[in-house]
Protein backbone atom coordinates (compact mmCIF):
# COMPACT_ATOMS: atom_id res chain seq x y z
CA UNK A 1 -46.95 80.16 -128.87
CA UNK A 2 -43.61 78.70 -129.98
CA UNK A 3 -43.38 81.26 -132.77
CA UNK A 4 -43.95 84.07 -130.26
CA UNK A 5 -41.35 82.67 -127.86
CA UNK A 6 -38.79 82.37 -130.66
CA UNK A 7 -39.42 85.97 -131.71
CA UNK A 8 -39.16 87.15 -128.10
CA UNK A 9 -35.91 85.23 -127.60
CA UNK A 10 -34.39 86.86 -130.68
CA UNK A 11 -35.50 90.31 -129.52
CA UNK A 12 -34.23 89.68 -125.98
CA UNK A 13 -30.79 88.69 -127.25
CA UNK A 14 -30.59 91.82 -129.41
CA UNK A 15 -31.73 94.11 -126.60
CA UNK A 16 -29.32 92.49 -124.13
CA UNK A 17 -26.37 92.95 -126.48
CA UNK A 18 -27.19 96.63 -127.04
CA UNK A 19 -27.82 97.28 -123.34
CA UNK A 20 -24.61 95.58 -122.20
CA UNK A 21 -22.63 97.36 -124.88
CA UNK A 22 -23.91 100.76 -123.79
CA UNK A 23 -23.75 100.07 -120.03
CA UNK A 24 -20.26 98.54 -120.01
CA UNK A 25 -18.31 99.56 -123.10
CA UNK A 26 -19.97 102.96 -123.40
CA UNK A 27 -19.38 103.70 -119.72
CA UNK A 28 -15.68 102.84 -119.98
CA UNK A 29 -15.21 105.05 -123.03
CA UNK A 30 -17.14 107.95 -121.41
CA UNK A 31 -15.16 107.65 -118.15
CA UNK A 32 -11.83 107.60 -119.99
CA UNK A 33 -12.70 110.71 -121.99
CA UNK A 34 -13.86 112.57 -118.89
CA UNK A 35 -10.65 111.66 -117.01
CA UNK A 36 -8.56 112.97 -119.89
CA UNK A 37 -10.55 116.21 -119.69
CA UNK A 38 -9.60 116.58 -116.03
CA UNK A 39 -12.68 115.20 -114.32
CA UNK A 40 -12.59 112.43 -111.73
CA UNK A 41 -13.59 108.88 -112.56
CA UNK A 42 -16.25 108.78 -109.85
CA UNK A 43 -17.90 111.98 -111.06
CA UNK A 44 -17.81 110.78 -114.65
CA UNK A 45 -19.46 107.46 -113.69
CA UNK A 46 -22.16 109.30 -111.73
CA UNK A 47 -22.87 111.59 -114.70
CA UNK A 48 -23.11 108.56 -117.03
CA UNK A 49 -25.45 106.71 -114.71
CA UNK A 50 -27.75 109.71 -114.30
CA UNK A 51 -28.05 110.40 -118.01
CA UNK A 52 -27.23 107.52 -120.34
CA UNK A 53 -27.97 104.54 -118.08
CA UNK A 54 -31.40 105.88 -117.18
CA UNK A 55 -32.25 106.42 -120.83
CA UNK A 56 -30.96 102.95 -121.76
CA UNK A 57 -33.08 101.32 -119.03
CA UNK A 58 -36.18 103.15 -120.24
CA UNK A 59 -35.41 102.18 -123.85
CA UNK A 60 -34.96 98.54 -122.87
CA UNK A 61 -38.35 98.52 -121.15
CA UNK A 62 -40.05 100.12 -124.16
CA UNK A 63 -38.27 97.77 -126.60
CA UNK A 64 -39.19 94.72 -124.55
CA UNK A 65 -42.83 95.78 -124.42
CA UNK A 66 -42.90 96.44 -128.17
CA UNK A 67 -41.19 93.10 -128.85
CA UNK A 68 -43.80 91.23 -126.83
CA UNK A 69 -46.67 92.94 -128.65
CA UNK A 70 -45.13 92.40 -132.09
CA UNK A 71 -44.28 88.77 -131.27
CA UNK A 72 -47.89 88.08 -130.31
CA UNK A 73 -49.19 89.74 -133.50
CA UNK A 74 -46.63 87.95 -135.67
CA UNK A 75 -47.31 84.58 -134.10
CA UNK A 76 -51.03 84.96 -134.74
CA UNK A 77 -50.41 86.01 -138.34
CA UNK A 78 -48.26 82.93 -138.94
CA UNK A 79 -49.98 80.41 -136.70
CA UNK A 80 -53.49 80.72 -138.16
CA UNK A 81 -52.55 79.99 -141.82
CA UNK A 82 -50.21 77.18 -140.73
CA UNK A 83 -52.95 75.71 -138.56
CA UNK A 84 -55.30 75.80 -141.57
CA UNK A 85 -52.70 74.00 -143.70
CA UNK A 86 -52.28 71.39 -140.96
CA UNK A 87 -56.03 70.88 -140.65
CA UNK A 88 -56.41 70.55 -144.43
CA UNK A 89 -53.52 68.06 -144.53
CA UNK A 90 -55.26 65.93 -141.90
CA UNK A 91 -58.49 66.02 -143.93
CA UNK A 92 -56.62 64.83 -147.02
CA UNK A 93 -54.96 62.08 -144.98
CA UNK A 94 -58.46 60.95 -143.98
CA UNK A 95 -59.57 60.81 -147.62
CA UNK A 96 -61.17 64.25 -148.10
CA UNK A 97 -59.31 65.31 -151.25
CA UNK A 98 -61.53 68.36 -151.72
CA UNK A 99 -59.79 70.14 -148.79
CA UNK A 100 -58.26 73.50 -149.71
CA UNK A 101 -56.65 76.34 -147.79
CA UNK A 102 -57.31 80.07 -148.35
CA UNK A 103 -54.59 82.13 -150.01
CA UNK A 104 -53.76 84.82 -147.46
CA UNK A 105 -50.94 86.25 -145.36
CA UNK A 106 -47.40 87.12 -146.48
CA UNK A 107 -46.13 86.07 -149.90
CA UNK A 108 -44.36 83.05 -148.44
CA UNK A 109 -47.56 81.75 -146.82
CA UNK A 110 -49.59 82.52 -149.95
CA UNK A 111 -47.04 80.52 -152.00
CA UNK A 112 -47.34 77.66 -149.49
CA UNK A 113 -51.14 77.76 -149.84
CA UNK A 114 -50.85 77.67 -153.65
CA UNK A 115 -48.50 74.68 -153.53
CA UNK A 116 -50.73 72.86 -151.07
CA UNK A 117 -53.86 73.48 -153.15
CA UNK A 118 -52.08 72.28 -156.30
CA UNK A 119 -51.02 69.11 -154.47
CA UNK A 120 -54.59 68.58 -153.19
CA UNK A 121 -56.05 69.07 -156.68
CA UNK A 122 -53.54 66.59 -158.13
CA UNK A 123 -54.39 64.03 -155.45
CA UNK A 124 -58.10 64.55 -156.12
CA UNK A 125 -57.58 63.92 -159.84
CA UNK A 126 -55.49 60.84 -159.12
CA UNK A 127 -58.13 59.49 -156.77
CA UNK A 128 -60.85 60.05 -159.38
CA UNK A 129 -58.72 58.26 -161.98
CA UNK A 130 -58.10 55.40 -159.55
CA UNK A 131 -61.81 54.97 -158.92
CA UNK A 132 -62.57 55.12 -162.65
CA UNK A 133 -59.81 52.61 -163.30
CA UNK A 134 -61.19 50.15 -160.74
CA UNK A 135 -64.77 50.59 -161.96
CA UNK A 136 -63.80 50.16 -165.61
CA UNK A 137 -61.52 47.22 -164.89
CA UNK A 138 -64.32 45.54 -162.96
CA UNK A 139 -66.70 46.11 -165.87
CA UNK A 140 -64.24 44.77 -168.44
CA UNK A 141 -63.70 41.65 -166.36
CA UNK A 142 -67.36 41.21 -165.50
CA UNK A 143 -68.63 41.26 -169.09
CA UNK A 144 -66.68 38.24 -170.46
CA UNK A 145 -67.01 36.37 -167.17
CA UNK A 146 -70.79 36.85 -167.24
CA UNK A 147 -70.88 35.59 -170.82
CA UNK A 148 -68.75 32.58 -169.93
CA UNK A 149 -70.95 31.83 -166.95
CA UNK A 150 -74.08 32.05 -169.09
CA UNK A 151 -72.70 29.70 -171.74
CA UNK A 152 -71.46 27.19 -169.17
CA UNK A 153 -74.77 27.18 -167.28
CA UNK A 154 -76.64 26.66 -170.54
CA UNK A 155 -74.33 23.78 -171.46
CA UNK A 156 -74.70 22.27 -168.01
CA UNK A 157 -78.51 22.48 -168.12
CA UNK A 158 -78.68 21.21 -171.70
CA UNK A 159 -80.26 24.43 -173.00
CA UNK A 160 -77.73 24.65 -175.84
CA UNK A 161 -75.69 22.02 -177.58
CA UNK A 162 -71.92 21.89 -177.42
CA UNK A 163 -71.29 22.59 -181.10
CA UNK A 164 -68.36 24.37 -182.78
CA UNK A 165 -70.06 27.78 -182.66
CA UNK A 166 -70.50 27.50 -178.89
CA UNK A 167 -66.86 26.61 -178.37
CA UNK A 168 -65.80 29.50 -180.59
CA UNK A 169 -67.88 31.90 -178.49
CA UNK A 170 -66.32 30.54 -175.32
CA UNK A 171 -62.89 30.84 -176.90
CA UNK A 172 -63.56 34.49 -177.88
CA UNK A 173 -64.52 35.40 -174.32
CA UNK A 174 -61.48 33.60 -172.87
CA UNK A 175 -59.24 35.31 -175.42
CA UNK A 176 -60.71 38.66 -174.43
CA UNK A 177 -59.79 38.01 -170.80
CA UNK A 178 -56.27 37.02 -171.82
CA UNK A 179 -55.81 40.23 -173.85
CA UNK A 180 -57.08 42.31 -170.95
CA UNK A 181 -54.75 40.62 -168.45
CA UNK A 182 -51.77 41.10 -170.77
CA UNK A 183 -52.56 44.79 -171.21
CA UNK A 184 -52.87 45.22 -167.45
CA UNK A 185 -49.56 43.39 -166.99
CA UNK A 186 -47.91 45.78 -169.44
CA UNK A 187 -49.24 48.82 -167.59
CA UNK A 188 -48.18 47.40 -164.23
CA UNK A 189 -44.69 46.57 -165.49
CA UNK A 190 -44.35 50.10 -166.86
CA UNK A 191 -45.44 51.62 -163.55
CA UNK A 192 -42.99 49.46 -161.62
CA UNK A 193 -40.07 49.92 -164.01
CA UNK A 194 -37.03 51.63 -162.50
CA UNK A 195 -35.64 52.76 -165.83
CA UNK A 196 -36.47 53.03 -169.53
CA UNK A 197 -36.33 49.88 -171.70
CA UNK A 198 -32.92 49.25 -173.22
CA UNK A 199 -32.80 50.55 -176.82
CA UNK A 200 -31.15 48.68 -179.66
CA UNK A 201 -30.08 49.51 -183.19
CA UNK A 202 -32.88 48.49 -185.58
CA UNK A 203 -34.52 49.34 -188.88
CA UNK A 204 -37.79 51.17 -188.22
CA UNK A 205 -38.96 50.57 -191.80
CA UNK A 206 -38.64 46.80 -191.35
CA UNK A 207 -40.52 46.93 -188.04
CA UNK A 208 -43.40 48.84 -189.67
CA UNK A 209 -43.63 46.44 -192.60
CA UNK A 210 -43.68 43.44 -190.23
CA UNK A 211 -46.49 44.99 -188.18
CA UNK A 212 -48.50 45.66 -191.34
CA UNK A 213 -47.99 42.08 -192.54
CA UNK A 214 -49.36 40.76 -189.24
CA UNK A 215 -52.43 43.00 -189.54
CA UNK A 216 -53.01 42.29 -193.25
CA UNK A 217 -55.78 39.69 -192.66
CA UNK A 218 -57.81 42.22 -190.67
CA UNK A 219 -57.49 44.80 -193.44
CA UNK A 220 -58.36 42.26 -196.13
CA UNK A 221 -61.49 41.04 -194.33
CA UNK A 222 -62.84 44.59 -194.13
CA UNK A 223 -61.70 45.57 -197.61
CA UNK A 224 -59.53 48.36 -196.16
CA UNK A 225 -56.99 49.94 -198.51
CA UNK A 226 -53.55 50.39 -196.94
CA UNK A 227 -51.20 53.15 -198.14
CA UNK A 228 -47.59 53.17 -196.94
CA UNK A 229 -45.11 56.02 -197.21
CA UNK A 230 -42.05 54.54 -195.53
CA UNK A 231 -38.42 54.76 -196.73
CA UNK A 232 -36.67 51.55 -197.71
CA UNK A 233 -34.43 51.87 -194.69
CA UNK A 234 -34.82 53.99 -191.57
CA UNK A 235 -32.18 53.31 -188.89
CA UNK A 236 -33.36 53.94 -185.35
CA UNK A 237 -32.67 53.15 -181.71
CA UNK A 238 -35.57 51.65 -179.78
CA UNK A 239 -36.59 48.66 -177.73
CA UNK A 240 -37.78 46.07 -180.29
CA UNK A 241 -40.52 44.58 -178.10
CA UNK A 242 -41.91 47.97 -177.08
CA UNK A 243 -41.83 49.23 -180.67
CA UNK A 244 -43.62 46.12 -181.94
CA UNK A 245 -46.35 46.51 -179.35
CA UNK A 246 -46.81 50.22 -180.09
CA UNK A 247 -47.13 49.57 -183.83
CA UNK A 248 -49.47 46.60 -183.29
CA UNK A 249 -51.78 48.59 -181.03
CA UNK A 250 -51.98 51.62 -183.31
CA UNK A 251 -52.47 49.56 -186.48
CA UNK A 252 -55.13 47.32 -184.91
CA UNK A 253 -56.84 50.46 -183.59
CA UNK A 254 -56.90 51.90 -187.10
CA UNK A 255 -58.28 48.64 -188.50
CA UNK A 256 -61.01 48.57 -185.84
CA UNK A 257 -62.28 52.09 -186.53
CA UNK A 258 -61.91 52.25 -190.30
CA UNK A 259 -65.18 51.48 -192.10
CA UNK A 260 -65.30 48.80 -194.80
CA UNK A 261 -63.68 50.11 -197.96
CA UNK A 262 -61.86 52.87 -196.06
CA UNK A 263 -58.17 53.77 -196.14
CA UNK A 264 -55.37 53.47 -193.61
CA UNK A 265 -52.18 55.43 -194.27
CA UNK A 266 -48.88 54.67 -192.53
CA UNK A 267 -46.02 57.16 -192.83
CA UNK A 268 -42.53 57.35 -191.36
CA UNK A 269 -39.90 60.03 -191.75
CA UNK A 270 -36.65 61.25 -190.26
CA UNK A 271 -36.72 64.77 -188.86
CA UNK A 272 -33.75 66.81 -187.58
CA UNK A 273 -34.35 65.88 -183.94
CA UNK A 274 -36.30 62.62 -184.10
CA UNK A 275 -38.15 60.00 -186.15
CA UNK A 276 -41.88 60.40 -186.70
CA UNK A 277 -44.38 57.60 -187.38
CA UNK A 278 -48.02 58.40 -188.12
CA UNK A 279 -51.00 56.11 -188.75
CA UNK A 280 -54.11 57.73 -190.23
CA UNK A 281 -57.50 56.25 -191.02
CA UNK A 282 -60.70 57.45 -192.62
CA UNK A 283 -64.03 57.16 -190.85
CA UNK A 284 -65.77 58.70 -187.89
CA UNK A 285 -63.53 61.25 -186.20
CA UNK A 286 -62.84 61.75 -182.52
CA UNK A 287 -64.74 64.63 -180.84
CA UNK A 288 -62.45 67.47 -179.72
CA UNK A 289 -63.39 66.97 -176.06
CA UNK A 290 -62.18 63.38 -176.23
CA UNK A 291 -58.85 63.96 -178.00
CA UNK A 292 -57.02 64.97 -174.82
CA UNK A 293 -58.22 61.85 -172.99
CA UNK A 294 -57.84 59.06 -175.54
CA UNK A 295 -54.54 57.98 -173.96
CA UNK A 296 -56.04 57.62 -170.48
CA UNK A 297 -56.46 54.12 -169.09
CA UNK A 298 -59.88 52.62 -169.86
CA UNK A 299 -61.07 55.84 -171.54
CA UNK A 300 -62.96 55.15 -174.75
CA UNK A 301 -64.63 57.43 -177.24
CA UNK A 302 -66.92 54.51 -178.09
CA UNK A 303 -69.31 54.78 -175.16
CA UNK A 304 -71.47 51.82 -176.20
CA UNK A 305 -68.80 49.33 -175.03
CA UNK A 306 -69.41 47.44 -178.23
CA UNK A 307 -66.94 44.55 -178.19
CA UNK A 308 -66.33 44.70 -181.91
CA UNK A 309 -65.12 48.31 -181.82
CA UNK A 310 -64.70 49.55 -178.29
CA UNK A 311 -61.94 47.24 -177.10
CA UNK A 312 -60.94 47.53 -173.46
CA UNK A 313 -59.69 51.12 -173.60
CA UNK A 314 -56.14 50.11 -172.59
CA UNK A 315 -54.26 49.90 -175.90
CA UNK A 316 -53.61 53.62 -176.29
CA UNK A 317 -52.59 53.92 -172.63
CA UNK A 318 -50.02 51.19 -173.27
CA UNK A 319 -48.82 53.05 -176.37
CA UNK A 320 -48.32 56.28 -174.44
CA UNK A 321 -46.50 54.54 -171.61
CA UNK A 322 -44.12 52.62 -173.89
CA UNK A 323 -43.35 55.58 -176.16
CA UNK A 324 -42.66 57.99 -173.30
CA UNK A 325 -40.56 55.38 -171.48
CA UNK A 326 -38.34 55.32 -174.58
CA UNK A 327 -37.96 59.10 -174.60
CA UNK A 328 -40.49 59.82 -177.36
CA UNK A 329 -43.80 61.62 -177.59
CA UNK A 330 -47.27 60.58 -178.72
CA UNK A 331 -50.33 62.45 -179.93
CA UNK A 332 -53.61 62.32 -181.82
CA UNK A 333 -55.45 64.55 -184.29
CA UNK A 334 -58.89 64.20 -185.81
CA UNK A 335 -61.07 66.18 -188.14
CA UNK A 336 -62.92 66.12 -191.46
CA UNK A 337 -63.29 62.35 -191.52
CA UNK A 338 -59.63 61.62 -190.86
CA UNK A 339 -58.02 60.48 -187.59
CA UNK A 340 -54.24 60.47 -187.14
CA UNK A 341 -52.20 58.96 -184.35
CA UNK A 342 -48.47 59.63 -184.24
CA UNK A 343 -45.43 58.89 -182.11
CA UNK A 344 -41.81 59.92 -182.22
CA UNK A 345 -38.55 58.18 -181.43
CA UNK A 346 -35.51 60.16 -180.30
CA UNK A 347 -32.81 60.49 -182.93
């Protein structure tokens, strides 16, 4: 109704301006011309009223009628799609993220429908990710807590003895909870950050060698051969803490999924626009359908949730967040028994 009234108001103003212009200005001009031609002003005014004024009045009536009809049609054309958008928005506000609006009407309304549907689809994906995140987080917390509860109940009831192996098992479960809480803290801090971490001048080659030294015991226990292709010096600008965590996560991930006797290759190079670091490992590859999702929070290719290999599914999400916060990019490739993770640092 408001759309129709606005259209009618615009039409009424236009018609009034035209009618007044013809009735007043046009009459004055006509009367002046007729007087110059020798006719009287009264006769000229009478002639104008009988001809032009009558036609103008009829035209105003026809224009007003047409304006009313067109305003009603236009308001219905606009009001129905807008009402559908409003109804769909209310459904989304109530939690129904599957709400969509049909793409119809003028190009502007069709574009509005497209934008609304894209927003609804994005919200639906985000809601699905949120639910998966909560479910997976609950599972990751429940597993070590259940194990701890079982051990403690057995110790309390005297079913098992409190020997070194028992304490080591309890320590492993507690350590798993600590790692999970730290990873969640890192993700939360990244989400809440108002700006990228402050970069510093550092030597990327030194940072890589330090990360490999820290992971050396894991490689040695599994008999994994490590190949490095890193220049002696590779100046870079990055946040030292973020870089150390990225390297630690990717290297530990490679150690976890490389079979005994396999090979892990670490390379670093300077390119024209950035610095590239890649960590490759032999072993079971990543299925193509999983490659695009390995950096999602709690997503794991290892569906068995085996503690020795599956981890918590947060490490790669942390890597992606830290690298992108520093202005770099991250990616993964896998095929023919070789898996490669890489990240870049801006030059």
